[in-house]
Amino acid sequence: MRTKEQIDEIVRLLLETYPEVDCTLDYGKDYELLFSVRLAAQCTDERVNKVTPALFERFPTLEAFAAADVEEVERYIHSTGFFRAKARDIVACAQVLLEKHGGRVPDTMEELTALPGVGRKTANLILGDIFHVPGSTVVDTHCIRLSNRIGLVDGERDPVKIEMALRKLLPPEHSNSFCHALVLHGRAVCDARKPDCEHCSIRHLCQTFTL
């Protein structure tokens, strides 16, 4: 496991390496990010960004999504995979947002995870990116892999346990940005199959780095 000093340096270096950390999903409205994250399950952000412009043009308001025919939504999002469940969740989520939340995306973990198709990962992303809540920690596949490789956690694969561990380790004001930086680092350098350690800015702090 890394020391507090090492963790602070890892955070500093990754945020320095990726200064423009942000969600890579394209959206204009809060609920559009919520729906885009649902579409991104088992799908790349790049694919989702190709699908959502036509989807959001066809259903330009939350009311339009709530009244949408699920099968029509399916046709727009078919290429993202698991399209039936995703379309069903999006329409149901729009209805709940209108009926229970006055058409706004809620700003608490409890309310967010009560929405159809919304788990802790999605809720943390919304809390961090939309509401800028300190401590919001998004644990995706990149975060799971890199947290173990770097030594922030030790052999842990459960996303909730990793989230709770990182909440104790990371500076709350940087946790959201750090998780976005991990995604970018995982894509650009710390690949699942063949990490490019030679070009890694934190290799000297990584517990699995070898010459």
N, C-alpha and C. Protein backbone atom coordinates (compact mmCIF):
# COMPACT_ATOMS: atom_id res chain seq x y z
N MET A 1 0.84 -1.20 0.00
CA MET A 1 0.00 0.00 0.00
C MET A 1 0.87 1.25 0.00
N ARG A 2 0.37 2.31 -0.61
CA ARG A 2 1.13 3.55 -0.67
C ARG A 2 0.93 4.37 0.60
N THR A 3 1.94 5.18 0.94
CA THR A 3 1.84 6.08 2.08
C THR A 3 1.02 7.31 1.69
N LYS A 4 0.64 8.09 2.68
CA LYS A 4 -0.11 9.31 2.41
C LYS A 4 0.69 10.25 1.51
N GLU A 5 1.98 10.36 1.78
CA GLU A 5 2.83 11.22 0.96
C GLU A 5 2.88 10.74 -0.48
N GLN A 6 2.98 9.44 -0.66
CA GLN A 6 3.00 8.87 -2.01
C GLN A 6 1.66 9.11 -2.72
N ILE A 7 0.57 8.92 -2.00
CA ILE A 7 -0.76 9.11 -2.59
C ILE A 7 -0.94 10.57 -3.02
N ASP A 8 -0.54 11.49 -2.15
CA ASP A 8 -0.65 12.91 -2.49
C ASP A 8 0.16 13.24 -3.74
N GLU A 9 1.33 12.62 -3.87
CA GLU A 9 2.18 12.87 -5.04
C GLU A 9 1.58 12.23 -6.29
N ILE A 10 0.99 11.06 -6.16
CA ILE A 10 0.31 10.41 -7.29
C ILE A 10 -0.82 11.29 -7.79
N VAL A 11 -1.61 11.81 -6.88
CA VAL A 11 -2.71 12.69 -7.25
C VAL A 11 -2.17 13.93 -7.96
N ARG A 12 -1.15 14.53 -7.38
CA ARG A 12 -0.58 15.76 -7.96
C ARG A 12 -0.05 15.52 -9.37
N LEU A 13 0.68 14.45 -9.55
CA LEU A 13 1.29 14.17 -10.85
C LEU A 13 0.26 13.82 -11.92
N LEU A 14 -0.75 13.05 -11.55
CA LEU A 14 -1.76 12.69 -12.54
C LEU A 14 -2.59 13.90 -12.95
N LEU A 15 -2.92 14.76 -12.00
CA LEU A 15 -3.67 15.97 -12.34
C LEU A 15 -2.81 16.95 -13.13
N GLU A 16 -1.51 16.88 -12.92
CA GLU A 16 -0.58 17.71 -13.70
C GLU A 16 -0.46 17.14 -15.12
N THR A 17 -0.47 15.82 -15.22
CA THR A 17 -0.37 15.16 -16.53
C THR A 17 -1.63 15.36 -17.36
N TYR A 18 -2.77 15.35 -16.68
CA TYR A 18 -4.06 15.49 -17.37
C TYR A 18 -4.80 16.70 -16.77
N PRO A 19 -4.38 17.90 -17.12
CA PRO A 19 -4.96 19.11 -16.50
C PRO A 19 -6.40 19.38 -16.92
N GLU A 20 -6.78 18.88 -18.08
CA GLU A 20 -8.15 19.14 -18.58
C GLU A 20 -9.05 17.95 -18.28
N VAL A 21 -9.03 17.48 -17.05
CA VAL A 21 -9.84 16.32 -16.70
C VAL A 21 -11.32 16.70 -16.74
N ASP A 22 -12.07 15.89 -17.41
CA ASP A 22 -13.51 16.12 -17.51
C ASP A 22 -14.14 14.83 -18.00
N CYS A 23 -15.42 14.72 -17.84
CA CYS A 23 -16.15 13.58 -18.37
C CYS A 23 -16.06 13.61 -19.90
N THR A 24 -15.81 12.47 -20.51
CA THR A 24 -15.66 12.42 -21.97
C THR A 24 -16.98 12.18 -22.69
N LEU A 25 -18.07 12.16 -21.97
CA LEU A 25 -19.39 12.07 -22.58
C LEU A 25 -19.89 13.47 -22.92
N ASP A 26 -20.50 13.61 -24.09
CA ASP A 26 -21.02 14.90 -24.53
C ASP A 26 -22.46 15.09 -24.03
N TYR A 27 -22.74 16.25 -23.46
CA TYR A 27 -24.09 16.52 -22.98
C TYR A 27 -24.28 18.02 -22.83
N GLY A 28 -25.53 18.44 -22.84
CA GLY A 28 -25.84 19.84 -22.65
C GLY A 28 -26.69 20.10 -21.42
N LYS A 29 -27.46 19.09 -21.03
CA LYS A 29 -28.36 19.21 -19.88
C LYS A 29 -28.01 18.15 -18.85
N ASP A 30 -28.33 18.42 -17.60
CA ASP A 30 -27.99 17.48 -16.53
C ASP A 30 -28.54 16.08 -16.80
N TYR A 31 -29.80 16.01 -17.20
CA TYR A 31 -30.40 14.68 -17.40
C TYR A 31 -29.78 13.98 -18.61
N GLU A 32 -29.24 14.74 -19.57
CA GLU A 32 -28.58 14.11 -20.72
C GLU A 32 -27.32 13.37 -20.27
N LEU A 33 -26.59 13.93 -19.32
CA LEU A 33 -25.44 13.21 -18.78
C LEU A 33 -25.89 11.94 -18.07
N LEU A 34 -26.95 12.04 -17.31
CA LEU A 34 -27.49 10.87 -16.61
C LEU A 34 -27.82 9.75 -17.60
N PHE A 35 -28.48 10.10 -18.70
CA PHE A 35 -28.86 9.10 -19.69
C PHE A 35 -27.63 8.59 -20.46
N SER A 36 -26.69 9.47 -20.73
CA SER A 36 -25.48 9.07 -21.45
C SER A 36 -24.66 8.07 -20.65
N VAL A 37 -24.59 8.28 -19.34
CA VAL A 37 -23.86 7.34 -18.50
C VAL A 37 -24.54 5.97 -18.52
N ARG A 38 -25.85 5.97 -18.54
CA ARG A 38 -26.57 4.68 -18.64
C ARG A 38 -26.23 3.99 -19.96
N LEU A 39 -26.16 4.76 -21.04
CA LEU A 39 -25.83 4.18 -22.34
C LEU A 39 -24.39 3.67 -22.38
N ALA A 40 -23.51 4.26 -21.57
CA ALA A 40 -22.10 3.90 -21.59
C ALA A 40 -21.80 2.59 -20.89
N ALA A 41 -22.78 2.00 -20.22
CA ALA A 41 -22.56 0.71 -19.57
C ALA A 41 -22.23 -0.34 -20.63
N GLN A 42 -21.10 -1.01 -20.48
CA GLN A 42 -20.64 -2.02 -21.44
C GLN A 42 -20.50 -1.45 -22.85
N CYS A 43 -20.17 -0.17 -22.92
CA CYS A 43 -20.03 0.50 -24.21
C CYS A 43 -19.01 1.63 -24.05
N THR A 44 -18.37 2.01 -25.14
CA THR A 44 -17.38 3.09 -25.06
C THR A 44 -18.06 4.45 -25.09
N ASP A 45 -17.41 5.43 -24.47
CA ASP A 45 -17.92 6.80 -24.52
C ASP A 45 -17.96 7.30 -25.96
N GLU A 46 -16.98 6.89 -26.75
CA GLU A 46 -16.93 7.31 -28.15
C GLU A 46 -18.18 6.87 -28.90
N ARG A 47 -18.61 5.63 -28.69
CA ARG A 47 -19.82 5.13 -29.34
C ARG A 47 -21.04 5.88 -28.85
N VAL A 48 -21.13 6.12 -27.55
CA VAL A 48 -22.27 6.84 -26.99
C VAL A 48 -22.36 8.24 -27.59
N ASN A 49 -21.23 8.91 -27.74
CA ASN A 49 -21.22 10.27 -28.30
C ASN A 49 -21.65 10.30 -29.76
N LYS A 50 -21.56 9.18 -30.44
CA LYS A 50 -22.04 9.11 -31.82
C LYS A 50 -23.55 8.91 -31.88
N VAL A 51 -24.09 8.33 -30.81
CA VAL A 51 -25.52 8.00 -30.76
C VAL A 51 -26.36 9.14 -30.21
N THR A 52 -25.86 9.84 -29.21
CA THR A 52 -26.70 10.80 -28.47
C THR A 52 -27.13 12.04 -29.25
N PRO A 53 -26.37 12.57 -30.21
CA PRO A 53 -26.88 13.75 -30.92
C PRO A 53 -28.24 13.53 -31.57
N ALA A 54 -28.41 12.41 -32.27
CA ALA A 54 -29.70 12.11 -32.90
C ALA A 54 -30.76 11.80 -31.85
N LEU A 55 -30.35 11.12 -30.78
CA LEU A 55 -31.29 10.77 -29.70
C LEU A 55 -31.83 12.03 -29.04
N PHE A 56 -30.93 12.95 -28.70
CA PHE A 56 -31.35 14.17 -28.01
C PHE A 56 -32.09 15.13 -28.94
N GLU A 57 -31.84 15.03 -30.23
CA GLU A 57 -32.59 15.85 -31.18
C GLU A 57 -34.03 15.32 -31.32
N ARG A 58 -34.16 14.00 -31.34
CA ARG A 58 -35.50 13.40 -31.47
C ARG A 58 -36.32 13.61 -30.20
N PHE A 59 -35.66 13.56 -29.04
CA PHE A 59 -36.34 13.76 -27.76
C PHE A 59 -35.67 14.94 -27.05
N PRO A 60 -36.06 16.16 -27.40
CA PRO A 60 -35.32 17.35 -26.95
C PRO A 60 -35.60 17.78 -25.52
N THR A 61 -36.61 17.19 -24.87
CA THR A 61 -36.94 17.58 -23.50
C THR A 61 -37.14 16.33 -22.64
N LEU A 62 -37.14 16.54 -21.36
CA LEU A 62 -37.39 15.43 -20.44
C LEU A 62 -38.81 14.91 -20.64
N GLU A 63 -39.73 15.81 -20.93
CA GLU A 63 -41.11 15.40 -21.18
C GLU A 63 -41.21 14.51 -22.41
N ALA A 64 -40.39 14.81 -23.41
CA ALA A 64 -40.39 13.99 -24.63
C ALA A 64 -39.87 12.59 -24.34
N PHE A 65 -38.85 12.49 -23.50
CA PHE A 65 -38.34 11.17 -23.12
C PHE A 65 -39.38 10.40 -22.30
N ALA A 66 -40.05 11.10 -21.41
CA ALA A 66 -41.03 10.43 -20.55
C ALA A 66 -42.20 9.88 -21.35
N ALA A 67 -42.53 10.53 -22.45
CA ALA A 67 -43.65 10.10 -23.28
C ALA A 67 -43.21 9.21 -24.44
N ALA A 68 -41.92 8.92 -24.53
CA ALA A 68 -41.38 8.19 -25.68
C ALA A 68 -41.82 6.74 -25.69
N ASP A 69 -41.94 6.23 -26.90
CA ASP A 69 -42.16 4.80 -27.08
C ASP A 69 -40.81 4.10 -26.88
N VAL A 70 -40.77 3.13 -25.99
CA VAL A 70 -39.52 2.47 -25.65
C VAL A 70 -38.87 1.85 -26.88
N GLU A 71 -39.67 1.27 -27.75
CA GLU A 71 -39.11 0.63 -28.94
C GLU A 71 -38.47 1.65 -29.87
N GLU A 72 -39.00 2.86 -29.93
CA GLU A 72 -38.37 3.88 -30.75
C GLU A 72 -37.03 4.30 -30.15
N VAL A 73 -36.96 4.44 -28.84
CA VAL A 73 -35.69 4.76 -28.19
C VAL A 73 -34.67 3.65 -28.47
N GLU A 74 -35.13 2.41 -28.45
CA GLU A 74 -34.25 1.27 -28.73
C GLU A 74 -33.57 1.43 -30.08
N ARG A 75 -34.30 1.90 -31.08
CA ARG A 75 -33.73 2.02 -32.42
C ARG A 75 -32.60 3.05 -32.46
N TYR A 76 -32.71 4.09 -31.66
CA TYR A 76 -31.68 5.12 -31.64
C TYR A 76 -30.42 4.66 -30.91
N ILE A 77 -30.58 3.77 -29.94
CA ILE A 77 -29.43 3.40 -29.09
C ILE A 77 -28.98 1.96 -29.32
N HIS A 78 -29.48 1.33 -30.37
CA HIS A 78 -29.22 -0.09 -30.60
C HIS A 78 -27.74 -0.44 -30.55
N SER A 79 -26.89 0.40 -31.14
CA SER A 79 -25.47 0.08 -31.26
C SER A 79 -24.71 0.17 -29.95
N THR A 80 -25.34 0.65 -28.87
CA THR A 80 -24.64 0.74 -27.58
C THR A 80 -24.71 -0.57 -26.79
N GLY A 81 -25.49 -1.55 -27.31
CA GLY A 81 -25.61 -2.82 -26.61
C GLY A 81 -26.61 -2.77 -25.47
N PHE A 82 -27.17 -3.92 -25.12
CA PHE A 82 -28.16 -4.02 -24.05
C PHE A 82 -29.23 -2.93 -24.20
N PHE A 83 -29.60 -2.67 -25.46
CA PHE A 83 -30.44 -1.52 -25.78
C PHE A 83 -31.84 -1.60 -25.21
N ARG A 84 -32.37 -2.79 -25.05
CA ARG A 84 -33.73 -2.89 -24.51
C ARG A 84 -33.79 -2.42 -23.06
N ALA A 85 -32.87 -2.92 -22.25
CA ALA A 85 -32.83 -2.51 -20.84
C ALA A 85 -32.50 -1.03 -20.71
N LYS A 86 -31.58 -0.55 -21.53
CA LYS A 86 -31.20 0.86 -21.46
C LYS A 86 -32.35 1.77 -21.85
N ALA A 87 -33.06 1.42 -22.93
CA ALA A 87 -34.20 2.24 -23.37
C ALA A 87 -35.29 2.25 -22.31
N ARG A 88 -35.55 1.10 -21.73
CA ARG A 88 -36.57 1.01 -20.69
C ARG A 88 -36.20 1.87 -19.48
N ASP A 89 -34.93 1.81 -19.08
CA ASP A 89 -34.48 2.59 -17.92
C ASP A 89 -34.54 4.09 -18.20
N ILE A 90 -34.16 4.50 -19.40
CA ILE A 90 -34.14 5.93 -19.73
C ILE A 90 -35.55 6.52 -19.70
N VAL A 91 -36.49 5.84 -20.31
CA VAL A 91 -37.87 6.32 -20.32
C VAL A 91 -38.43 6.34 -18.90
N ALA A 92 -38.20 5.27 -18.15
CA ALA A 92 -38.69 5.21 -16.77
C ALA A 92 -38.03 6.27 -15.90
N CYS A 93 -36.75 6.50 -16.11
CA CYS A 93 -36.03 7.51 -15.33
C CYS A 93 -36.59 8.90 -15.60
N ALA A 94 -36.86 9.20 -16.87
CA ALA A 94 -37.45 10.50 -17.22
C ALA A 94 -38.79 10.69 -16.52
N GLN A 95 -39.59 9.64 -16.47
CA GLN A 95 -40.89 9.72 -15.82
C GLN A 95 -40.74 9.99 -14.33
N VAL A 96 -39.80 9.31 -13.68
CA VAL A 96 -39.58 9.50 -12.24
C VAL A 96 -39.05 10.90 -11.96
N LEU A 97 -38.15 11.39 -12.82
CA LEU A 97 -37.61 12.74 -12.63
C LEU A 97 -38.72 13.78 -12.67
N LEU A 98 -39.67 13.59 -13.56
CA LEU A 98 -40.78 14.54 -13.66
C LEU A 98 -41.77 14.38 -12.51
N GLU A 99 -42.08 13.14 -12.18
CA GLU A 99 -43.12 12.88 -11.18
C GLU A 99 -42.65 13.15 -9.74
N LYS A 100 -41.40 12.83 -9.44
CA LYS A 100 -40.93 12.91 -8.06
C LYS A 100 -39.93 14.03 -7.79
N HIS A 101 -39.33 14.58 -8.84
CA HIS A 101 -38.26 15.55 -8.63
C HIS A 101 -38.47 16.85 -9.39
N GLY A 102 -39.67 17.06 -9.87
CA GLY A 102 -39.98 18.31 -10.55
C GLY A 102 -39.17 18.55 -11.81
N GLY A 103 -38.69 17.48 -12.43
CA GLY A 103 -37.94 17.61 -13.66
C GLY A 103 -36.46 17.91 -13.48
N ARG A 104 -35.98 17.85 -12.24
CA ARG A 104 -34.56 18.11 -12.02
C ARG A 104 -33.86 16.82 -11.61
N VAL A 105 -32.57 16.77 -11.87
CA VAL A 105 -31.76 15.65 -11.43
C VAL A 105 -31.43 15.86 -9.96
N PRO A 106 -31.73 14.90 -9.10
CA PRO A 106 -31.49 15.08 -7.66
C PRO A 106 -30.00 15.13 -7.34
N ASP A 107 -29.68 15.65 -6.15
CA ASP A 107 -28.29 15.88 -5.80
C ASP A 107 -27.83 15.11 -4.57
N THR A 108 -28.49 13.97 -4.30
CA THR A 108 -28.03 13.12 -3.20
C THR A 108 -27.86 11.69 -3.70
N MET A 109 -26.94 10.96 -3.07
CA MET A 109 -26.69 9.58 -3.45
C MET A 109 -27.96 8.74 -3.32
N GLU A 110 -28.71 8.96 -2.24
CA GLU A 110 -29.90 8.15 -1.99
C GLU A 110 -30.96 8.37 -3.08
N GLU A 111 -31.19 9.60 -3.45
CA GLU A 111 -32.19 9.89 -4.47
C GLU A 111 -31.73 9.43 -5.85
N LEU A 112 -30.47 9.61 -6.15
CA LEU A 112 -29.96 9.21 -7.46
C LEU A 112 -30.02 7.69 -7.64
N THR A 113 -29.59 6.94 -6.64
CA THR A 113 -29.57 5.49 -6.78
C THR A 113 -30.97 4.88 -6.72
N ALA A 114 -31.96 5.68 -6.38
CA ALA A 114 -33.35 5.20 -6.43
C ALA A 114 -33.94 5.33 -7.83
N LEU A 115 -33.24 6.01 -8.72
CA LEU A 115 -33.72 6.18 -10.09
C LEU A 115 -33.49 4.90 -10.89
N PRO A 116 -34.35 4.60 -11.84
CA PRO A 116 -34.16 3.40 -12.68
C PRO A 116 -32.82 3.43 -13.41
N GLY A 117 -32.08 2.34 -13.28
CA GLY A 117 -30.83 2.20 -14.01
C GLY A 117 -29.65 2.95 -13.45
N VAL A 118 -29.78 3.53 -12.27
CA VAL A 118 -28.70 4.35 -11.70
C VAL A 118 -28.08 3.63 -10.50
N GLY A 119 -26.78 3.34 -10.61
CA GLY A 119 -26.04 2.75 -9.51
C GLY A 119 -25.09 3.76 -8.89
N ARG A 120 -24.22 3.31 -8.02
CA ARG A 120 -23.32 4.22 -7.31
C ARG A 120 -22.32 4.89 -8.25
N LYS A 121 -21.84 4.15 -9.26
CA LYS A 121 -20.88 4.75 -10.18
C LYS A 121 -21.50 5.95 -10.90
N THR A 122 -22.70 5.76 -11.43
CA THR A 122 -23.39 6.85 -12.11
C THR A 122 -23.69 7.98 -11.14
N ALA A 123 -24.18 7.64 -9.97
CA ALA A 123 -24.53 8.67 -8.98
C ALA A 123 -23.30 9.50 -8.60
N ASN A 124 -22.17 8.84 -8.39
CA ASN A 124 -20.95 9.57 -8.04
C ASN A 124 -20.52 10.50 -9.17
N LEU A 125 -20.67 10.06 -10.41
CA LEU A 125 -20.29 10.91 -11.53
C LEU A 125 -21.18 12.15 -11.59
N ILE A 126 -22.47 11.95 -11.40
CA ILE A 126 -23.41 13.09 -11.41
C ILE A 126 -23.09 14.04 -10.25
N LEU A 127 -22.86 13.49 -9.07
CA LEU A 127 -22.56 14.32 -7.91
C LEU A 127 -21.28 15.11 -8.11
N GLY A 128 -20.28 14.48 -8.74
CA GLY A 128 -19.02 15.16 -8.94
C GLY A 128 -19.04 16.15 -10.08
N ASP A 129 -19.58 15.74 -11.23
CA ASP A 129 -19.52 16.57 -12.43
C ASP A 129 -20.59 17.66 -12.47
N ILE A 130 -21.77 17.34 -11.98
CA ILE A 130 -22.87 18.31 -12.03
C ILE A 130 -22.91 19.17 -10.77
N PHE A 131 -22.80 18.53 -9.62
CA PHE A 131 -22.98 19.25 -8.35
C PHE A 131 -21.67 19.53 -7.62
N HIS A 132 -20.56 19.01 -8.11
CA HIS A 132 -19.23 19.28 -7.54
C HIS A 132 -19.17 18.96 -6.05
N VAL A 133 -19.72 17.81 -5.69
CA VAL A 133 -19.72 17.36 -4.30
C VAL A 133 -18.35 16.77 -3.97
N PRO A 134 -17.65 17.30 -2.97
CA PRO A 134 -16.34 16.75 -2.58
C PRO A 134 -16.46 15.28 -2.18
N GLY A 135 -15.45 14.50 -2.56
CA GLY A 135 -15.43 13.09 -2.20
C GLY A 135 -16.10 12.17 -3.19
N SER A 136 -16.73 12.73 -4.22
CA SER A 136 -17.40 11.90 -5.23
C SER A 136 -16.34 11.05 -5.95
N THR A 137 -16.52 9.74 -5.89
CA THR A 137 -15.49 8.82 -6.36
C THR A 137 -16.09 7.83 -7.34
N VAL A 138 -15.75 7.97 -8.61
CA VAL A 138 -16.30 7.12 -9.67
C VAL A 138 -15.38 5.92 -9.88
N VAL A 139 -15.88 4.74 -9.59
CA VAL A 139 -15.08 3.53 -9.73
C VAL A 139 -15.55 2.76 -10.96
N ASP A 140 -14.77 2.88 -12.05
CA ASP A 140 -15.07 2.12 -13.26
C ASP A 140 -13.96 1.09 -13.46
N THR A 141 -13.93 0.46 -14.63
CA THR A 141 -12.93 -0.60 -14.86
C THR A 141 -11.51 -0.06 -14.81
N HIS A 142 -11.30 1.16 -15.33
CA HIS A 142 -9.96 1.76 -15.27
C HIS A 142 -9.54 2.00 -13.82
N CYS A 143 -10.47 2.52 -13.04
CA CYS A 143 -10.18 2.81 -11.63
C CYS A 143 -9.86 1.53 -10.87
N ILE A 144 -10.62 0.48 -11.12
CA ILE A 144 -10.37 -0.79 -10.44
C ILE A 144 -8.98 -1.31 -10.79
N ARG A 145 -8.65 -1.30 -12.08
CA ARG A 145 -7.36 -1.83 -12.53
C ARG A 145 -6.20 -0.99 -12.00
N LEU A 146 -6.27 0.31 -12.17
CA LEU A 146 -5.15 1.17 -11.78
C LEU A 146 -4.99 1.28 -10.27
N SER A 147 -6.09 1.29 -9.54
CA SER A 147 -6.01 1.37 -8.08
C SER A 147 -5.25 0.17 -7.52
N ASN A 148 -5.47 -0.99 -8.13
CA ASN A 148 -4.75 -2.19 -7.70
C ASN A 148 -3.30 -2.16 -8.17
N ARG A 149 -3.07 -1.79 -9.41
CA ARG A 149 -1.70 -1.76 -9.93
C ARG A 149 -0.82 -0.78 -9.17
N ILE A 150 -1.36 0.42 -8.95
CA ILE A 150 -0.59 1.47 -8.28
C ILE A 150 -0.32 1.10 -6.83
N GLY A 151 -1.30 0.46 -6.20
CA GLY A 151 -1.17 0.10 -4.80
C GLY A 151 -2.04 0.91 -3.87
N LEU A 152 -3.09 1.52 -4.44
CA LEU A 152 -4.04 2.25 -3.59
C LEU A 152 -4.95 1.27 -2.85
N VAL A 153 -5.23 0.14 -3.49
CA VAL A 153 -5.93 -0.96 -2.84
C VAL A 153 -5.14 -2.23 -3.14
N ASP A 154 -5.44 -3.28 -2.41
CA ASP A 154 -4.65 -4.50 -2.53
C ASP A 154 -5.54 -5.67 -2.93
N GLY A 155 -5.57 -5.98 -4.23
CA GLY A 155 -6.31 -7.15 -4.71
C GLY A 155 -7.81 -7.04 -4.58
N GLU A 156 -8.32 -5.82 -4.48
CA GLU A 156 -9.77 -5.63 -4.30
C GLU A 156 -10.43 -5.43 -5.66
N ARG A 157 -11.57 -6.09 -5.87
CA ARG A 157 -12.28 -5.99 -7.14
C ARG A 157 -13.69 -5.44 -6.98
N ASP A 158 -14.17 -5.40 -5.75
CA ASP A 158 -15.53 -4.92 -5.51
C ASP A 158 -15.56 -3.40 -5.62
N PRO A 159 -16.37 -2.85 -6.56
CA PRO A 159 -16.38 -1.40 -6.79
C PRO A 159 -16.74 -0.59 -5.56
N VAL A 160 -17.70 -1.06 -4.78
CA VAL A 160 -18.13 -0.31 -3.59
C VAL A 160 -17.01 -0.28 -2.55
N LYS A 161 -16.33 -1.41 -2.36
CA LYS A 161 -15.23 -1.46 -1.39
C LYS A 161 -14.08 -0.56 -1.84
N ILE A 162 -13.81 -0.54 -3.15
CA ILE A 162 -12.76 0.34 -3.67
C ILE A 162 -13.17 1.79 -3.49
N GLU A 163 -14.43 2.11 -3.76
CA GLU A 163 -14.91 3.48 -3.56
C GLU A 163 -14.69 3.92 -2.11
N MET A 164 -15.07 3.08 -1.17
CA MET A 164 -14.93 3.44 0.24
C MET A 164 -13.46 3.58 0.64
N ALA A 165 -12.61 2.73 0.08
CA ALA A 165 -11.19 2.82 0.38
C ALA A 165 -10.60 4.11 -0.17
N LEU A 166 -10.95 4.46 -1.40
CA LEU A 166 -10.42 5.67 -2.02
C LEU A 166 -10.94 6.93 -1.33
N ARG A 167 -12.16 6.88 -0.85
CA ARG A 167 -12.70 8.03 -0.12
C ARG A 167 -11.85 8.36 1.11
N LYS A 168 -11.26 7.33 1.72
CA LYS A 168 -10.42 7.53 2.89
C LYS A 168 -9.02 8.02 2.51
N LEU A 169 -8.58 7.69 1.28
CA LEU A 169 -7.21 7.98 0.87
C LEU A 169 -7.07 9.30 0.12
N LEU A 170 -8.05 9.64 -0.72
CA LEU A 170 -7.91 10.78 -1.62
C LEU A 170 -8.36 12.09 -0.98
N PRO A 171 -7.71 13.18 -1.32
CA PRO A 171 -8.21 14.49 -0.87
C PRO A 171 -9.61 14.71 -1.45
N PRO A 172 -10.62 14.96 -0.65
CA PRO A 172 -12.00 15.06 -1.14
C PRO A 172 -12.16 16.06 -2.29
N GLU A 173 -11.41 17.15 -2.24
CA GLU A 173 -11.56 18.18 -3.27
C GLU A 173 -11.00 17.75 -4.62
N HIS A 174 -10.21 16.66 -4.63
CA HIS A 174 -9.60 16.21 -5.88
C HIS A 174 -10.10 14.83 -6.33
N SER A 175 -10.95 14.20 -5.54
CA SER A 175 -11.32 12.82 -5.83
C SER A 175 -12.02 12.66 -7.19
N ASN A 176 -12.92 13.57 -7.52
CA ASN A 176 -13.62 13.48 -8.80
C ASN A 176 -12.66 13.65 -9.97
N SER A 177 -11.82 14.68 -9.91
CA SER A 177 -10.84 14.92 -10.96
C SER A 177 -9.85 13.77 -11.07
N PHE A 178 -9.44 13.23 -9.92
CA PHE A 178 -8.49 12.12 -9.92
C PHE A 178 -9.07 10.91 -10.64
N CYS A 179 -10.34 10.62 -10.40
CA CYS A 179 -10.97 9.47 -11.06
C CYS A 179 -11.04 9.67 -12.57
N HIS A 180 -11.32 10.90 -13.02
CA HIS A 180 -11.30 11.19 -14.45
C HIS A 180 -9.89 11.04 -15.00
N ALA A 181 -8.89 11.47 -14.23
CA ALA A 181 -7.50 11.35 -14.67
C ALA A 181 -7.11 9.88 -14.79
N LEU A 182 -7.60 9.04 -13.89
CA LEU A 182 -7.31 7.60 -13.98
C LEU A 182 -7.85 7.02 -15.27
N VAL A 183 -9.04 7.45 -15.67
CA VAL A 183 -9.62 6.97 -16.93
C VAL A 183 -8.72 7.35 -18.10
N LEU A 184 -8.30 8.61 -18.14
CA LEU A 184 -7.44 9.07 -19.23
C LEU A 184 -6.10 8.34 -19.21
N HIS A 185 -5.55 8.14 -18.02
CA HIS A 185 -4.27 7.43 -17.88
C HIS A 185 -4.41 5.97 -18.29
N GLY A 186 -5.54 5.37 -17.93
CA GLY A 186 -5.78 3.98 -18.30
C GLY A 186 -5.90 3.79 -19.80
N ARG A 187 -6.47 4.78 -20.47
CA ARG A 187 -6.61 4.69 -21.92
C ARG A 187 -5.30 5.00 -22.64
N ALA A 188 -4.57 6.00 -22.14
CA ALA A 188 -3.39 6.48 -22.86
C ALA A 188 -2.11 5.71 -22.53
N VAL A 189 -1.98 5.27 -21.27
CA VAL A 189 -0.70 4.71 -20.82
C VAL A 189 -0.84 3.34 -20.16
N CYS A 190 -1.69 3.26 -19.14
CA CYS A 190 -1.75 2.04 -18.33
C CYS A 190 -2.79 1.08 -18.88
N ASP A 191 -2.51 0.57 -20.05
CA ASP A 191 -3.41 -0.34 -20.75
C ASP A 191 -3.58 -1.64 -19.97
N ALA A 192 -4.74 -2.26 -20.14
CA ALA A 192 -5.02 -3.49 -19.39
C ALA A 192 -4.04 -4.60 -19.74
N ARG A 193 -3.68 -4.73 -21.01
CA ARG A 193 -2.83 -5.84 -21.43
C ARG A 193 -1.34 -5.51 -21.38
N LYS A 194 -1.00 -4.30 -21.81
CA LYS A 194 0.41 -3.94 -21.89
C LYS A 194 0.63 -2.50 -21.46
N PRO A 195 0.78 -2.26 -20.17
CA PRO A 195 1.01 -0.89 -19.71
C PRO A 195 2.31 -0.32 -20.24
N ASP A 196 2.27 0.94 -20.64
CA ASP A 196 3.44 1.63 -21.19
C ASP A 196 4.17 2.34 -20.05
N CYS A 197 4.85 1.56 -19.22
CA CYS A 197 5.49 2.10 -18.03
C CYS A 197 6.56 3.14 -18.35
N GLU A 198 7.19 3.00 -19.52
CA GLU A 198 8.26 3.93 -19.89
C GLU A 198 7.75 5.37 -19.95
N HIS A 199 6.48 5.53 -20.32
CA HIS A 199 5.92 6.88 -20.47
C HIS A 199 4.94 7.23 -19.36
N CYS A 200 5.03 6.53 -18.24
CA CYS A 200 4.12 6.77 -17.12
C CYS A 200 4.73 7.79 -16.16
N SER A 201 3.97 8.82 -15.86
CA SER A 201 4.46 9.90 -14.99
C SER A 201 4.52 9.50 -13.52
N ILE A 202 3.90 8.38 -13.16
CA ILE A 202 3.89 7.97 -11.75
C ILE A 202 4.54 6.60 -11.55
N ARG A 203 5.34 6.16 -12.51
CA ARG A 203 5.91 4.81 -12.42
C ARG A 203 6.77 4.62 -11.17
N HIS A 204 7.44 5.68 -10.75
CA HIS A 204 8.31 5.56 -9.57
C HIS A 204 7.51 5.42 -8.28
N LEU A 205 6.20 5.63 -8.37
CA LEU A 205 5.33 5.51 -7.20
C LEU A 205 4.40 4.30 -7.30
N CYS A 206 4.54 3.54 -8.37
CA CYS A 206 3.65 2.40 -8.63
C CYS A 206 4.25 1.13 -8.06
N GLN A 207 3.47 0.36 -7.34
CA GLN A 207 3.99 -0.83 -6.68
C GLN A 207 4.29 -1.97 -7.66
N THR A 208 3.76 -1.90 -8.89
CA THR A 208 3.99 -2.98 -9.85
C THR A 208 5.01 -2.62 -10.91
N PHE A 209 5.58 -1.42 -10.85
CA PHE A 209 6.55 -1.01 -11.85
C PHE A 209 7.87 -1.75 -11.64
N THR A 210 8.40 -2.30 -12.74
CA THR A 210 9.72 -2.94 -12.72
C THR A 210 10.50 -2.46 -13.93
N LEU A 211 11.79 -2.35 -13.78
CA LEU A 211 12.65 -1.91 -14.86
C LEU A 211 12.75 -3.00 -15.94
